[in-house]
Amino acid sequence: MNTNILLRLAPRSLAVVLVLAIAGCASSDGTPDTAGADDITPQELAAGEAAGPEGDDAPVADGDATNAIDPEDGATITTPAEDSASFLDPGAEAAAEVEPVVPPSVIDPDSLQQTQSCHRVTGYRSGHKMNICVTTIDGKYVEVNTARAYLRMRKAARKAGVTMHVVSGFRSMATQRYLYHCYKTKKCNGGNLAAVPGYSNHQSGHALDLNTSAAHVYSWLANHGHSYGFRRTVPSEKWHWEH
């Protein structure tokens, strides 16, 4: 009798073993294989640790569009040469398009009213994920406290006859992966230098690339930027300022 019971149970036990084996192959630790859009991959982590402290990257040119291959899924994407997060990561960043409290046409462009609302996004500093709140300045995403300091600084510069604007601000993970892909392959964005995803200073939202090639902008920043909490942190990049 016991032998017959064992024979009847054997196929079921074998099926259970096979299911468990397949599940184990799919995920040895019980977690999904695929990383989230904002997660640093093991390869990126290793590359960032190997790179250590470094300069960030050249600013992305304004105004034109670049066709590129998304390194994550191989699909062809079209993105403006500037690093607008909503183009590169629509699922995570589309909601970050913050509507001003007052229409831009009726407020002072340097008014702090522009920073009364902000949106939470995923940022990074030295490979560590963090939540930051961004607002829109000059059409670019900027961490909200950095934006307030920048607007105060820009207003003072304007009084001195100097006109500055933000060329590049916060970058999403998708944006930085795109720029890093261009840097490594030299097939897009002019192959400009780009930091390892998760390690770009721009991913914290506190770094701004400013129009220092315009008349008197760099000299004004060099003399007055520190008064507003901004300093030049990358020796090879006169346009790169951090709050």
C-alpha atoms as a PDB file:
ATOM      1  CA  MET A   1       0.000   0.000   0.000  1.00  0.00           C
ATOM      2  CA  ASN A   2       2.771   2.448   0.874  1.00  0.00           C
ATOM      3  CA  THR A   3       4.553   1.654  -2.392  1.00  0.00           C
ATOM      4  CA  ASN A   4       1.416   2.456  -4.415  1.00  0.00           C
ATOM      5  CA  ILE A   5       0.971   5.788  -2.635  1.00  0.00           C
ATOM      6  CA  LEU A   6       4.557   6.765  -3.326  1.00  0.00           C
ATOM      7  CA  LEU A   7       4.177   5.880  -6.993  1.00  0.00           C
ATOM      8  CA  ARG A   8       1.047   8.043  -7.266  1.00  0.00           C
ATOM      9  CA  LEU A   9       2.759  10.993  -5.545  1.00  0.00           C
ATOM     10  CA  ALA A  10       6.021  10.799  -7.500  1.00  0.00           C
ATOM     11  CA  PRO A  11       4.824  12.627 -10.660  1.00  0.00           C
ATOM     12  CA  ARG A  12       3.413  15.471  -8.550  1.00  0.00           C
ATOM     13  CA  SER A  13       6.619  15.808  -6.552  1.00  0.00           C
ATOM     14  CA  LEU A  14       8.654  15.840  -9.743  1.00  0.00           C
ATOM     15  CA  ALA A  15       6.462  18.620 -11.139  1.00  0.00           C
ATOM     16  CA  VAL A  16       6.962  20.704  -7.988  1.00  0.00           C
ATOM     17  CA  VAL A  17      10.733  20.206  -8.178  1.00  0.00           C
ATOM     18  CA  LEU A  18      10.766  21.287 -11.825  1.00  0.00           C
ATOM     19  CA  VAL A  19       8.756  24.458 -11.058  1.00  0.00           C
ATOM     20  CA  LEU A  20      11.100  25.370  -8.228  1.00  0.00           C
ATOM     21  CA  ALA A  21      14.132  24.726 -10.402  1.00  0.00           C
ATOM     22  CA  ILE A  22      12.789  26.956 -13.167  1.00  0.00           C
ATOM     23  CA  ALA A  23      11.995  29.710 -10.656  1.00  0.00           C
ATOM     24  CA  GLY A  24      15.508  29.413  -9.261  1.00  0.00           C
ATOM     25  CA  CYS A  25      17.000  29.846 -12.723  1.00  0.00           C
ATOM     26  CA  ALA A  26      14.911  32.955 -13.304  1.00  0.00           C
ATOM     27  CA  SER A  27      16.012  34.599 -10.067  1.00  0.00           C
ATOM     28  CA  SER A  28      18.467  33.070  -7.682  1.00  0.00           C
ATOM     29  CA  ASP A  29      17.674  35.546  -4.898  1.00  0.00           C
ATOM     30  CA  GLY A  30      13.919  35.860  -5.395  1.00  0.00           C
ATOM     31  CA  THR A  31      14.143  39.329  -6.998  1.00  0.00           C
ATOM     32  CA  PRO A  32      13.462  40.256 -10.633  1.00  0.00           C
ATOM     33  CA  ASP A  33      16.429  40.260 -13.062  1.00  0.00           C
ATOM     34  CA  THR A  34      15.494  43.571 -14.608  1.00  0.00           C
ATOM     35  CA  ALA A  35      16.568  46.837 -13.018  1.00  0.00           C
ATOM     36  CA  GLY A  36      14.203  49.784 -12.750  1.00  0.00           C
ATOM     37  CA  ALA A  37      14.646  52.743 -15.069  1.00  0.00           C
ATOM     38  CA  ASP A  38      16.272  54.750 -12.265  1.00  0.00           C
ATOM     39  CA  ASP A  39      18.461  51.947 -10.871  1.00  0.00           C
ATOM     40  CA  ILE A  40      22.209  51.847 -11.413  1.00  0.00           C
ATOM     41  CA  THR A  41      23.262  48.612 -13.072  1.00  0.00           C
ATOM     42  CA  PRO A  42      26.207  46.617 -11.639  1.00  0.00           C
ATOM     43  CA  GLN A  43      28.248  47.605 -14.714  1.00  0.00           C
ATOM     44  CA  GLU A  44      27.557  51.306 -14.142  1.00  0.00           C
ATOM     45  CA  LEU A  45      28.390  50.961 -10.457  1.00  0.00           C
ATOM     46  CA  ALA A  46      31.718  49.314 -11.292  1.00  0.00           C
ATOM     47  CA  ALA A  47      32.493  51.930 -13.950  1.00  0.00           C
ATOM     48  CA  GLY A  48      31.685  54.779 -11.557  1.00  0.00           C
ATOM     49  CA  GLU A  49      33.844  53.378  -8.788  1.00  0.00           C
ATOM     50  CA  ALA A  50      36.692  52.797 -11.224  1.00  0.00           C
ATOM     51  CA  ALA A  51      36.440  56.325 -12.623  1.00  0.00           C
ATOM     52  CA  GLY A  52      36.634  57.998  -9.216  1.00  0.00           C
ATOM     53  CA  PRO A  53      36.550  61.829  -9.032  1.00  0.00           C
ATOM     54  CA  GLU A  54      36.451  63.329 -12.511  1.00  0.00           C
ATOM     55  CA  GLY A  55      35.270  66.257 -14.550  1.00  0.00           C
ATOM     56  CA  ASP A  56      31.634  66.114 -15.536  1.00  0.00           C
ATOM     57  CA  ASP A  57      30.925  66.663 -19.207  1.00  0.00           C
ATOM     58  CA  ALA A  58      30.694  69.220 -21.952  1.00  0.00           C
ATOM     59  CA  PRO A  59      27.356  71.030 -22.195  1.00  0.00           C
ATOM     60  CA  VAL A  60      24.949  69.710 -24.774  1.00  0.00           C
ATOM     61  CA  ALA A  61      24.326  72.128 -27.608  1.00  0.00           C
ATOM     62  CA  ASP A  62      20.949  73.858 -27.756  1.00  0.00           C
ATOM     63  CA  GLY A  63      18.577  73.860 -30.650  1.00  0.00           C
ATOM     64  CA  ASP A  64      18.913  70.758 -32.816  1.00  0.00           C
ATOM     65  CA  ALA A  65      17.810  67.136 -32.608  1.00  0.00           C
ATOM     66  CA  THR A  66      19.923  64.017 -32.569  1.00  0.00           C
ATOM     67  CA  ASN A  67      18.947  60.465 -33.528  1.00  0.00           C
ATOM     68  CA  ALA A  68      20.512  57.892 -31.263  1.00  0.00           C
ATOM     69  CA  ILE A  69      20.186  54.323 -30.065  1.00  0.00           C
ATOM     70  CA  ASP A  70      18.880  53.919 -26.561  1.00  0.00           C
ATOM     71  CA  PRO A  71      21.550  51.738 -24.902  1.00  0.00           C
ATOM     72  CA  GLU A  72      18.931  50.064 -22.711  1.00  0.00           C
ATOM     73  CA  ASP A  73      16.635  48.562 -25.335  1.00  0.00           C
ATOM     74  CA  GLY A  74      18.208  49.245 -28.719  1.00  0.00           C
ATOM     75  CA  ALA A  75      15.236  51.248 -29.953  1.00  0.00           C
ATOM     76  CA  THR A  76      15.843  54.340 -32.035  1.00  0.00           C
ATOM     77  CA  ILE A  77      14.874  57.506 -30.206  1.00  0.00           C
ATOM     78  CA  THR A  78      14.899  61.156 -31.186  1.00  0.00           C
ATOM     79  CA  THR A  79      15.883  63.603 -28.501  1.00  0.00           C
ATOM     80  CA  PRO A  80      16.735  67.305 -28.507  1.00  0.00           C
ATOM     81  CA  ALA A  81      20.421  67.955 -28.123  1.00  0.00           C
ATOM     82  CA  GLU A  82      19.649  69.587 -24.758  1.00  0.00           C
ATOM     83  CA  ASP A  83      18.948  67.201 -21.925  1.00  0.00           C
ATOM     84  CA  SER A  84      15.208  67.564 -21.385  1.00  0.00           C
ATOM     85  CA  ALA A  85      14.207  64.686 -19.125  1.00  0.00           C
ATOM     86  CA  SER A  86      10.649  64.489 -20.458  1.00  0.00           C
ATOM     87  CA  PHE A  87      11.901  63.492 -23.913  1.00  0.00           C
ATOM     88  CA  LEU A  88      14.161  60.718 -22.683  1.00  0.00           C
ATOM     89  CA  ASP A  89      12.214  59.234 -19.796  1.00  0.00           C
ATOM     90  CA  PRO A  90       8.529  59.971 -20.482  1.00  0.00           C
ATOM     91  CA  GLY A  91       7.252  57.380 -18.017  1.00  0.00           C
ATOM     92  CA  ALA A  92       9.162  58.746 -15.031  1.00  0.00           C
ATOM     93  CA  GLU A  93       9.662  62.409 -15.906  1.00  0.00           C
ATOM     94  CA  ALA A  94       6.625  63.570 -17.901  1.00  0.00           C
ATOM     95  CA  ALA A  95       4.893  64.611 -14.687  1.00  0.00           C
ATOM     96  CA  ALA A  96       7.883  66.799 -13.842  1.00  0.00           C
ATOM     97  CA  GLU A  97       6.682  69.420 -16.313  1.00  0.00           C
ATOM     98  CA  VAL A  98       5.726  71.976 -13.692  1.00  0.00           C
ATOM     99  CA  GLU A  99       3.138  74.583 -14.597  1.00  0.00           C
ATOM    100  CA  PRO A 100       4.126  78.043 -13.310  1.00  0.00           C
ATOM    101  CA  VAL A 101       1.830  79.550 -10.694  1.00  0.00           C
ATOM    102  CA  VAL A 102       1.567  82.654 -12.898  1.00  0.00           C
ATOM    103  CA  PRO A 103       1.959  82.559 -16.707  1.00  0.00           C
ATOM    104  CA  PRO A 104       5.585  83.413 -17.629  1.00  0.00           C
ATOM    105  CA  SER A 105       4.483  86.315 -19.823  1.00  0.00           C
ATOM    106  CA  VAL A 106       3.151  88.291 -16.868  1.00  0.00           C
ATOM    107  CA  ILE A 107       5.854  87.813 -14.230  1.00  0.00           C
ATOM    108  CA  ASP A 108       9.373  89.081 -13.851  1.00  0.00           C
ATOM    109  CA  PRO A 109      11.669  86.405 -15.375  1.00  0.00           C
ATOM    110  CA  ASP A 110      13.803  86.616 -12.226  1.00  0.00           C
ATOM    111  CA  SER A 111      10.838  86.322  -9.844  1.00  0.00           C
ATOM    112  CA  LEU A 112      10.936  83.615  -7.184  1.00  0.00           C
ATOM    113  CA  GLN A 113       7.271  82.924  -8.000  1.00  0.00           C
ATOM    114  CA  GLN A 114       8.617  80.466 -10.547  1.00  0.00           C
ATOM    115  CA  THR A 115       9.787  78.246  -7.703  1.00  0.00           C
ATOM    116  CA  GLN A 116       6.576  78.125  -5.658  1.00  0.00           C
ATOM    117  CA  SER A 117       5.863  74.651  -7.004  1.00  0.00           C
ATOM    118  CA  CYS A 118       8.186  71.745  -7.702  1.00  0.00           C
ATOM    119  CA  HIS A 119       8.011  68.050  -8.521  1.00  0.00           C
ATOM    120  CA  ARG A 120       9.730  65.078  -6.895  1.00  0.00           C
ATOM    121  CA  VAL A 121      12.130  63.135  -9.116  1.00  0.00           C
ATOM    122  CA  THR A 122      14.923  60.617  -8.591  1.00  0.00           C
ATOM    123  CA  GLY A 123      18.370  62.170  -8.393  1.00  0.00           C
ATOM    124  CA  TYR A 124      21.852  60.808  -7.772  1.00  0.00           C
ATOM    125  CA  ARG A 125      25.056  61.889  -6.110  1.00  0.00           C
ATOM    126  CA  SER A 126      28.179  59.708  -6.349  1.00  0.00           C
ATOM    127  CA  GLY A 127      26.063  56.698  -7.277  1.00  0.00           C
ATOM    128  CA  HIS A 128      23.619  57.087  -4.387  1.00  0.00           C
ATOM    129  CA  LYS A 129      19.914  57.502  -5.174  1.00  0.00           C
ATOM    130  CA  MET A 130      17.988  60.337  -3.549  1.00  0.00           C
ATOM    131  CA  ASN A 131      14.702  62.197  -3.974  1.00  0.00           C
ATOM    132  CA  ILE A 132      14.913  65.810  -5.078  1.00  0.00           C
ATOM    133  CA  CYS A 133      12.345  68.445  -6.007  1.00  0.00           C
ATOM    134  CA  VAL A 134      12.819  70.219  -9.337  1.00  0.00           C
ATOM    135  CA  THR A 135      11.275  73.275 -10.915  1.00  0.00           C
ATOM    136  CA  THR A 136      11.663  74.767 -14.393  1.00  0.00           C
ATOM    137  CA  ILE A 137      14.062  77.653 -15.049  1.00  0.00           C
ATOM    138  CA  ASP A 138      14.896  78.800 -18.592  1.00  0.00           C
ATOM    139  CA  GLY A 139      13.053  75.698 -19.786  1.00  0.00           C
ATOM    140  CA  LYS A 140      15.433  73.395 -17.849  1.00  0.00           C
ATOM    141  CA  TYR A 141      14.839  71.348 -14.699  1.00  0.00           C
ATOM    142  CA  VAL A 142      16.711  72.650 -11.639  1.00  0.00           C
ATOM    143  CA  GLU A 143      16.611  71.575  -7.977  1.00  0.00           C
ATOM    144  CA  VAL A 144      14.280  74.058  -6.316  1.00  0.00           C
ATOM    145  CA  ASN A 145      16.678  75.617  -3.755  1.00  0.00           C
ATOM    146  CA  THR A 146      19.370  75.892  -6.418  1.00  0.00           C
ATOM    147  CA  ALA A 147      16.803  77.569  -8.670  1.00  0.00           C
ATOM    148  CA  ARG A 148      16.002  80.197  -6.027  1.00  0.00           C
ATOM    149  CA  ALA A 149      19.674  81.018  -5.505  1.00  0.00           C
ATOM    150  CA  TYR A 150      20.215  81.170  -9.268  1.00  0.00           C
ATOM    151  CA  LEU A 151      17.313  83.583  -9.793  1.00  0.00           C
ATOM    152  CA  ARG A 152      18.696  85.933  -7.120  1.00  0.00           C
ATOM    153  CA  MET A 153      22.106  85.759  -8.770  1.00  0.00           C
ATOM    154  CA  ARG A 154      20.725  86.309 -12.278  1.00  0.00           C
ATOM    155  CA  LYS A 155      18.740  89.343 -11.126  1.00  0.00           C
ATOM    156  CA  ALA A 156      21.908  90.914  -9.690  1.00  0.00           C
ATOM    157  CA  ALA A 157      23.815  90.148 -12.880  1.00  0.00           C
ATOM    158  CA  ARG A 158      21.070  91.693 -14.988  1.00  0.00           C
ATOM    159  CA  LYS A 159      21.311  94.921 -12.944  1.00  0.00           C
ATOM    160  CA  ALA A 160      25.010  94.958 -13.820  1.00  0.00           C
ATOM    161  CA  GLY A 161      24.172  94.610 -17.516  1.00  0.00           C
ATOM    162  CA  VAL A 162      25.045  90.896 -17.716  1.00  0.00           C
ATOM    163  CA  THR A 163      22.557  88.428 -19.194  1.00  0.00           C
ATOM    164  CA  MET A 164      22.889  84.788 -18.207  1.00  0.00           C
ATOM    165  CA  HIS A 165      20.762  81.714 -18.713  1.00  0.00           C
ATOM    166  CA  VAL A 166      20.806  77.999 -17.903  1.00  0.00           C
ATOM    167  CA  VAL A 167      22.067  75.812 -20.751  1.00  0.00           C
ATOM    168  CA  SER A 168      21.800  72.528 -18.843  1.00  0.00           C
ATOM    169  CA  GLY A 169      20.378  71.606 -15.442  1.00  0.00           C
ATOM    170  CA  PHE A 170      19.055  68.414 -13.862  1.00  0.00           C
ATOM    171  CA  ARG A 171      19.511  65.198 -15.834  1.00  0.00           C
ATOM    172  CA  SER A 172      17.435  62.063 -15.379  1.00  0.00           C
ATOM    173  CA  MET A 173      19.040  58.631 -15.391  1.00  0.00           C
ATOM    174  CA  ALA A 174      17.739  58.065 -18.923  1.00  0.00           C
ATOM    175  CA  THR A 175      19.302  61.340 -20.080  1.00  0.00           C
ATOM    176  CA  GLN A 176      22.684  60.543 -18.549  1.00  0.00           C
ATOM    177  CA  ARG A 177      22.662  57.032 -20.039  1.00  0.00           C
ATOM    178  CA  TYR A 178      21.972  58.537 -23.443  1.00  0.00           C
ATOM    179  CA  LEU A 179      24.830  61.054 -23.113  1.00  0.00           C
ATOM    180  CA  TYR A 180      27.215  58.400 -21.786  1.00  0.00           C
ATOM    181  CA  HIS A 181      26.270  56.137 -24.691  1.00  0.00           C
ATOM    182  CA  CYS A 182      27.102  58.992 -27.096  1.00  0.00           C
ATOM    183  CA  TYR A 183      30.447  59.531 -25.362  1.00  0.00           C
ATOM    184  CA  LYS A 184      31.394  55.844 -25.514  1.00  0.00           C
ATOM    185  CA  THR A 185      30.246  55.220 -29.111  1.00  0.00           C
ATOM    186  CA  LYS A 186      30.999  58.673 -30.578  1.00  0.00           C
ATOM    187  CA  LYS A 187      27.835  58.258 -32.644  1.00  0.00           C
ATOM    188  CA  CYS A 188      25.734  61.118 -31.232  1.00  0.00           C
ATOM    189  CA  ASN A 189      25.988  64.438 -29.346  1.00  0.00           C
ATOM    190  CA  GLY A 190      29.403  64.938 -30.930  1.00  0.00           C
ATOM    191  CA  GLY A 191      30.831  62.227 -28.676  1.00  0.00           C
ATOM    192  CA  ASN A 192      31.133  64.818 -25.874  1.00  0.00           C
ATOM    193  CA  LEU A 193      32.600  63.737 -22.557  1.00  0.00           C
ATOM    194  CA  ALA A 194      29.937  62.386 -20.190  1.00  0.00           C
ATOM    195  CA  ALA A 195      30.152  60.988 -16.676  1.00  0.00           C
ATOM    196  CA  VAL A 196      29.102  57.441 -15.801  1.00  0.00           C
ATOM    197  CA  PRO A 197      25.313  57.313 -15.175  1.00  0.00           C
ATOM    198  CA  GLY A 198      24.630  57.966 -11.497  1.00  0.00           C
ATOM    199  CA  TYR A 199      27.891  59.913 -11.117  1.00  0.00           C
ATOM    200  CA  SER A 200      27.195  63.085 -13.093  1.00  0.00           C
ATOM    201  CA  ASN A 201      27.021  66.211 -10.962  1.00  0.00           C
ATOM    202  CA  HIS A 202      23.956  67.210 -12.986  1.00  0.00           C
ATOM    203  CA  GLN A 203      21.968  64.275 -11.612  1.00  0.00           C
ATOM    204  CA  SER A 204      21.837  65.938  -8.191  1.00  0.00           C
ATOM    205  CA  GLY A 205      20.014  68.948  -9.654  1.00  0.00           C
ATOM    206  CA  HIS A 206      22.534  71.314  -8.017  1.00  0.00           C
ATOM    207  CA  ALA A 207      24.829  71.676 -11.049  1.00  0.00           C
ATOM    208  CA  LEU A 208      24.174  74.208 -13.798  1.00  0.00           C
ATOM    209  CA  ASP A 209      25.881  74.786 -17.106  1.00  0.00           C
ATOM    210  CA  LEU A 210      25.630  78.511 -17.801  1.00  0.00           C
ATOM    211  CA  ASN A 211      26.186  80.582 -20.942  1.00  0.00           C
ATOM    212  CA  THR A 212      29.709  81.651 -20.001  1.00  0.00           C
ATOM    213  CA  SER A 213      30.636  82.199 -23.653  1.00  0.00           C
ATOM    214  CA  ALA A 214      28.365  85.265 -23.687  1.00  0.00           C
ATOM    215  CA  ALA A 215      29.883  88.687 -22.990  1.00  0.00           C
ATOM    216  CA  HIS A 216      30.958  89.292 -19.370  1.00  0.00           C
ATOM    217  CA  VAL A 217      29.066  86.280 -17.958  1.00  0.00           C
ATOM    218  CA  TYR A 218      32.121  84.319 -16.845  1.00  0.00           C
ATOM    219  CA  SER A 219      33.947  87.303 -15.344  1.00  0.00           C
ATOM    220  CA  TRP A 220      30.803  88.314 -13.417  1.00  0.00           C
ATOM    221  CA  LEU A 221      30.379  84.765 -12.086  1.00  0.00           C
ATOM    222  CA  ALA A 222      34.040  84.554 -11.112  1.00  0.00           C
ATOM    223  CA  ASN A 223      33.723  87.755  -9.099  1.00  0.00           C
ATOM    224  CA  HIS A 224      30.230  87.378  -7.645  1.00  0.00           C
ATOM    225  CA  GLY A 225      29.037  83.785  -7.957  1.00  0.00           C
ATOM    226  CA  HIS A 226      30.304  82.799  -4.501  1.00  0.00           C
ATOM    227  CA  SER A 227      28.113  85.494  -2.924  1.00  0.00           C
ATOM    228  CA  TYR A 228      25.082  83.501  -4.060  1.00  0.00           C
ATOM    229  CA  GLY A 229      26.483  80.099  -3.129  1.00  0.00           C
ATOM    230  CA  PHE A 230      27.762  79.112  -6.571  1.00  0.00           C
ATOM    231  CA  ARG A 231      31.255  77.868  -7.290  1.00  0.00           C
ATOM    232  CA  ARG A 232      33.080  76.450 -10.262  1.00  0.00           C
ATOM    233  CA  THR A 233      33.814  72.818  -9.393  1.00  0.00           C
ATOM    234  CA  VAL A 234      35.303  71.377 -12.597  1.00  0.00           C
ATOM    235  CA  PRO A 235      38.593  73.101 -13.525  1.00  0.00           C
ATOM    236  CA  SER A 236      38.284  72.253 -17.218  1.00  0.00           C
ATOM    237  CA  GLU A 237      34.706  73.549 -17.501  1.00  0.00           C
ATOM    238  CA  LYS A 238      34.238  77.273 -17.044  1.00  0.00           C
ATOM    239  CA  TRP A 239      30.521  76.911 -17.762  1.00  0.00           C
ATOM    240  CA  HIS A 240      29.885  74.415 -14.935  1.00  0.00           C
ATOM    241  CA  TRP A 241      28.734  75.942 -11.616  1.00  0.00           C
ATOM    242  CA  GLU A 242      27.311  74.224  -8.555  1.00  0.00           C
ATOM    243  CA  HIS A 243      25.241  75.432  -5.642  1.00  0.00           C
END
